[in-house]
Protein backbone atom coordinates (compact mmCIF):
# COMPACT_ATOMS: atom_id res chain seq x y z
CA MET A 1 108.05 85.41 15.15
CA SER A 2 109.96 82.14 15.22
CA ARG A 3 108.67 78.95 13.71
CA ARG A 4 108.63 77.35 17.18
CA SER A 5 106.27 80.01 18.54
CA LEU A 6 103.75 79.16 15.85
CA MET A 7 103.69 75.43 16.47
CA TYR A 8 101.38 73.87 19.04
CA ASN A 9 103.03 71.37 21.36
CA PRO A 10 101.07 68.86 23.50
CA SER A 11 101.09 71.24 26.44
CA SER A 12 99.48 74.01 24.38
CA LEU A 13 96.86 71.63 23.03
CA ARG A 14 96.01 70.47 26.57
CA SER A 15 95.61 74.12 27.57
CA LEU A 16 93.19 74.71 24.73
CA GLU A 17 91.28 71.56 25.62
CA GLN A 18 90.70 73.05 29.06
CA GLU A 19 88.78 75.88 27.42
CA ARG A 20 85.99 73.51 26.43
CA HIS A 21 84.07 74.44 29.58
CA GLN A 22 83.64 77.90 28.09
CA MET A 23 81.25 76.43 25.57
CA ARG A 24 78.64 76.47 28.34
CA LEU A 25 78.74 80.22 27.92
CA ALA A 26 78.82 80.12 24.14
CA ALA A 27 76.15 77.43 23.73
CA PRO A 28 73.16 79.82 24.13
CA VAL A 29 74.59 82.02 21.36
CA LEU A 30 75.20 79.07 19.07
CA SER A 31 71.77 77.54 19.61
CA GLY A 32 69.82 80.80 19.81
CA TYR A 33 70.47 81.57 16.15
CA LEU A 34 69.05 78.20 15.10
CA LEU A 35 66.05 78.54 17.41
CA ARG A 36 65.18 81.96 15.99
CA LYS A 37 65.31 80.57 12.46
CA GLU A 38 63.18 77.56 13.40
CA ALA A 39 60.60 79.83 15.02
CA ARG A 40 60.38 81.84 11.82
CA GLY A 41 59.72 78.72 9.80
CA THR A 42 62.97 78.85 7.84
CA SER A 43 65.25 75.98 6.92
CA SER A 44 69.00 75.82 7.26
CA ARG A 45 71.78 73.53 6.16
CA GLN A 46 73.68 74.29 9.35
CA THR A 47 75.74 71.27 10.27
CA VAL A 48 74.71 69.68 13.54
CA GLY A 49 77.53 68.25 15.62
CA ASN A 50 79.56 68.75 18.74
CA PRO A 51 79.83 72.41 19.71
CA PRO A 52 83.19 73.91 18.70
CA MET A 53 85.78 75.02 21.20
CA VAL A 54 86.07 78.65 22.26
CA CYS A 55 89.53 80.05 21.63
CA GLN A 56 91.02 83.25 23.02
CA ASP A 57 94.63 82.35 22.25
CA PRO A 58 96.43 85.43 20.83
CA VAL A 59 98.76 83.31 18.68
CA VAL A 60 95.80 81.76 16.86
CA GLN A 61 93.99 85.07 16.52
CA ASN A 62 97.10 86.89 15.29
CA ALA A 63 97.67 84.31 12.57
CA LEU A 64 94.07 84.61 11.38
CA TYR A 65 93.67 88.38 11.54
CA THR A 66 96.95 89.00 9.71
CA GLY A 67 96.36 86.35 7.06
CA ASN A 68 99.65 84.58 7.82
CA VAL A 69 99.25 81.54 5.56
CA GLN A 70 102.26 79.67 6.96
CA ALA A 71 101.13 80.20 10.53
CA VAL A 72 97.55 79.16 9.76
CA LYS A 73 98.75 75.97 8.08
CA GLU A 74 101.02 75.15 11.01
CA ILE A 75 98.41 75.85 13.67
CA PHE A 76 95.47 74.22 11.87
CA SER A 77 97.29 71.01 11.06
CA LYS A 78 96.53 67.38 11.85
CA GLY A 79 95.26 66.99 15.40
CA PHE A 80 94.17 70.62 15.82
CA PRO A 81 90.43 71.38 15.62
CA SER A 82 89.43 73.29 12.49
CA ASP A 83 86.13 74.38 14.07
CA LEU A 84 86.93 77.01 16.66
CA VAL A 85 84.81 79.84 17.98
CA ILE A 86 86.99 82.91 18.28
CA GLN A 87 86.16 85.36 21.05
CA PRO A 88 87.84 88.67 20.08
CA GLN A 89 89.55 90.52 22.89
CA GLY A 90 88.13 94.05 23.18
CA GLY A 91 86.58 93.91 19.72
CA VAL A 92 88.36 93.96 16.38
CA MET A 93 88.32 96.70 13.77
CA ARG A 94 86.22 95.96 10.70
CA TRP A 95 86.91 97.62 7.37
CA ARG A 96 84.94 98.19 4.22
CA ALA A 97 86.41 97.46 0.81
CA ASN A 98 87.07 101.20 0.37
CA GLY A 99 89.31 101.23 3.44
CA LYS A 100 86.90 103.03 5.76
CA VAL A 101 86.43 101.76 9.29
CA ARG A 102 83.03 100.22 9.96
CA GLY A 103 83.60 100.02 13.68
CA LYS A 104 84.37 97.29 16.18
CA ASN A 105 82.84 93.86 16.37
CA SER A 106 83.12 91.80 19.55
CA LYS A 107 80.69 89.04 18.55
CA LEU A 108 81.77 85.45 18.53
CA THR A 109 83.31 84.59 15.19
CA THR A 110 85.19 81.74 13.49
CA PRO A 111 88.39 81.30 11.49
CA LEU A 112 86.25 81.11 8.34
CA HIS A 113 84.56 84.43 9.08
CA ILE A 114 87.85 86.16 9.81
CA THR A 115 89.65 84.97 6.69
CA ALA A 116 86.66 85.24 4.33
CA GLY A 117 85.84 88.78 5.42
CA ARG A 118 89.41 89.94 4.89
CA GLY A 119 90.03 88.26 1.56
CA PHE A 120 92.64 85.80 2.88
CA THR A 121 91.81 83.22 0.22
CA GLU A 122 94.65 80.78 0.85
CA CYS A 123 94.00 80.73 4.59
CA LEU A 124 90.32 80.17 3.91
CA ARG A 125 91.09 77.37 1.46
CA HIS A 126 93.25 75.58 4.02
CA LEU A 127 90.57 75.80 6.71
CA LEU A 128 87.94 74.45 4.35
CA MET A 129 90.19 71.60 3.28
CA ARG A 130 90.69 70.80 6.97
CA GLY A 131 86.93 70.34 7.30
CA ALA A 132 85.75 73.59 8.89
CA ARG A 133 81.94 73.75 8.94
CA VAL A 134 81.09 76.19 6.19
CA ASP A 135 77.72 77.40 7.55
CA LEU A 136 78.70 77.72 11.21
CA ALA A 137 77.26 80.97 12.59
CA PRO A 138 78.07 81.50 16.28
CA GLY A 139 77.66 85.27 15.99
CA GLY A 140 74.39 85.05 14.05
CA THR A 141 75.82 85.32 10.54
CA THR A 142 77.65 82.93 8.21
CA ALA A 143 81.09 83.34 6.68
CA LEU A 144 79.35 83.74 3.33
CA HIS A 145 77.43 86.77 4.60
CA GLU A 146 80.70 88.17 5.92
CA ALA A 147 82.48 87.75 2.58
CA CYS A 148 79.59 89.36 0.67
CA GLU A 149 79.30 92.26 3.09
CA GLU A 150 83.04 92.93 2.80
CA CYS A 151 83.05 92.52 -1.01
CA GLN A 152 85.39 89.52 -1.24
CA PRO A 153 84.24 87.67 -4.41
CA GLU A 154 87.02 85.04 -4.48
CA CYS A 155 86.20 84.04 -0.93
CA VAL A 156 82.50 83.97 -1.77
CA LYS A 157 83.18 81.62 -4.68
CA LEU A 158 85.41 79.38 -2.55
CA LEU A 159 82.80 79.09 0.22
CA LEU A 160 80.09 78.23 -2.30
CA GLN A 161 82.32 75.60 -3.92
CA HIS A 162 82.64 73.97 -0.50
CA GLY A 163 78.90 73.81 0.05
CA ALA A 164 77.93 77.13 1.65
CA ASN A 165 74.19 77.75 1.50
CA PRO A 166 73.69 80.69 -0.93
CA SER A 167 70.30 81.44 0.62
CA ALA A 168 71.11 81.04 4.33
CA THR A 169 69.60 83.68 6.60
CA ASN A 170 71.49 85.59 9.26
CA GLU A 171 70.14 86.72 12.63
CA ASP A 172 68.49 89.70 10.91
CA GLY A 173 66.68 87.42 8.47
CA GLN A 174 68.81 88.46 5.51
CA MET A 175 70.23 86.20 2.81
CA PRO A 176 73.70 86.85 1.34
CA LEU A 177 72.20 88.76 -1.62
CA HIS A 178 70.60 91.15 0.86
CA VAL A 179 74.01 92.22 2.20
CA CYS A 180 75.46 92.94 -1.26
CA THR A 181 74.97 96.67 -0.76
CA GLU A 182 78.21 98.09 -2.17
CA LEU A 183 79.23 98.71 -5.77
CA ASP A 184 82.13 96.32 -5.31
CA SER A 185 79.80 93.50 -4.26
CA LEU A 186 78.55 92.89 -7.81
CA GLU A 187 80.87 89.92 -8.42
CA CYS A 188 79.76 88.44 -5.10
CA ALA A 189 76.14 88.63 -6.26
CA LYS A 190 77.06 86.95 -9.55
CA HIS A 191 78.65 84.02 -7.72
CA LEU A 192 75.64 83.67 -5.43
CA LEU A 193 73.23 83.50 -8.36
CA ALA A 194 75.48 81.03 -10.19
CA PHE A 195 75.15 78.72 -7.19
CA GLY A 196 71.37 79.00 -6.96
CA ALA A 197 70.66 81.90 -4.58
CA LEU A 198 66.95 82.75 -4.40
CA ILE A 199 66.55 85.80 -6.63
CA ASN A 200 63.17 86.69 -5.13
CA GLY A 201 63.99 85.58 -1.59
CA GLN A 202 62.53 88.02 0.94
CA SER A 203 64.15 89.05 4.21
CA LEU A 204 62.34 87.69 7.24
CA ASP A 205 61.70 91.00 9.00
CA ASP A 206 61.09 93.46 6.15
CA ASN A 207 60.17 91.17 3.24
CA ASP A 208 62.74 92.96 1.09
CA THR A 209 63.96 91.20 -2.03
CA PRO A 210 67.50 91.66 -3.37
CA LEU A 211 65.97 94.02 -5.94
CA HIS A 212 64.54 96.20 -3.15
CA VAL A 213 67.97 96.38 -1.54
CA ALA A 214 69.76 97.20 -4.80
CA ALA A 215 67.22 99.92 -5.63
CA ARG A 216 67.46 101.44 -2.16
CA HIS A 217 71.27 101.57 -2.41
CA SER A 218 71.24 102.93 -5.98
CA LEU A 219 72.98 99.95 -7.57
CA PRO A 220 71.81 99.79 -11.21
CA ASP A 221 74.32 97.08 -12.20
CA HIS A 222 73.01 94.86 -9.42
CA MET A 223 69.43 95.55 -10.49
CA GLU A 224 70.18 94.69 -14.11
CA LEU A 225 71.82 91.44 -12.97
CA TYR A 226 68.84 90.53 -10.79
CA LEU A 227 66.31 91.29 -13.51
CA ARG A 228 68.23 89.08 -15.95
CA HIS A 229 67.88 86.28 -13.42
CA GLY A 230 64.14 86.71 -13.03
CA ALA A 231 63.71 89.26 -10.24
CA ALA A 232 60.06 90.26 -9.85
CA LEU A 233 59.50 94.01 -10.24
CA ASN A 234 56.13 94.07 -8.49
CA LEU A 235 56.90 92.15 -5.31
CA GLN A 236 56.06 94.24 -2.25
CA ASN A 237 57.89 94.35 1.05
CA GLU A 238 56.42 94.62 4.55
CA GLU A 239 55.56 98.30 3.97
CA GLY A 240 53.84 97.55 0.69
CA ASN A 241 56.64 99.06 -1.40
CA THR A 242 57.96 97.70 -4.66
CA ALA A 243 61.59 98.15 -5.68
CA LEU A 244 60.60 101.33 -7.52
CA ASN A 245 59.00 102.70 -4.35
CA ALA A 246 62.14 101.79 -2.41
CA ALA A 247 64.30 103.72 -4.87
CA CYS A 248 62.13 106.82 -4.55
CA SER A 249 61.74 106.75 -0.77
CA GLN A 250 65.31 107.66 0.22
CA THR A 251 66.04 111.11 1.64
CA GLN A 252 69.44 112.23 0.35
CA GLY A 253 71.37 115.24 -0.91
CA ALA A 254 71.45 116.51 -4.47
CA GLU A 255 73.86 113.79 -5.64
CA GLY A 256 71.75 111.11 -4.01
CA LEU A 257 68.59 112.46 -5.62
CA ARG A 258 70.20 112.31 -9.06
CA SER A 259 71.25 108.73 -8.42
CA ASP A 260 67.77 107.77 -7.20
CA ALA A 261 66.22 109.38 -10.28
CA GLU A 262 68.47 107.30 -12.53
CA VAL A 263 67.48 104.15 -10.68
CA ALA A 264 63.79 105.02 -10.93
CA LEU A 265 64.07 105.64 -14.67
CA PHE A 266 65.93 102.36 -15.05
CA LEU A 267 63.08 100.47 -13.35
CA LEU A 268 60.36 102.34 -15.25
CA ASP A 269 61.94 101.26 -18.54
CA ARG A 270 61.53 97.60 -17.59
């Protein structure tokens, strides 16, 4: 791709400006997330301002999804809005840290979500330096949730350094620690706690703590980390289960049963 094809001339910018009317469609999604949180009595540090512009431009999306640092810097330069809502065309493939496909996601997203979830640290850094709103959540989840879910610790740290709320809730009422459900998410959890994440914060729907989640997913290193930071062993979730109950309630094969037994013994020793 030539350098010229990556640059935005005045004509291209005018074309993107014409897409602002699409925000009438996106506005209910953007505001609905905040209304749900307000109804549940939660607080958020979501930045209030003019709604961002919806972008379906394939040049912009290609630069973000491929982590092309040069292209991102050229596109998101002076005069180009750093807060865009990206509307994926036909859904985009999402991958776990182990390389397995999670499926397609066609929700509204942002440049921060795309780069943070894929570990494109330099692209993410540039967007943050350009003033992208760090807690923007048009699809119901923040970029910080995305980075934790996809096990991208450097992106997690960078978002937190730029003011991301370590205890923000997504549309499912989960904080970032609640989505640290993979072995490779341990460093993400460490960064969250270093920046003041609520160690005993409970999810809005199930009242699960991070310890419940770690026990349910057989993550002893996460549990040890949480206990060192003051996690309460006896807190109960919506079903009246403690973390120990959560560890013992999973139905799995022989390997899973051995893992659950190890987790249960770990908790009983505390």
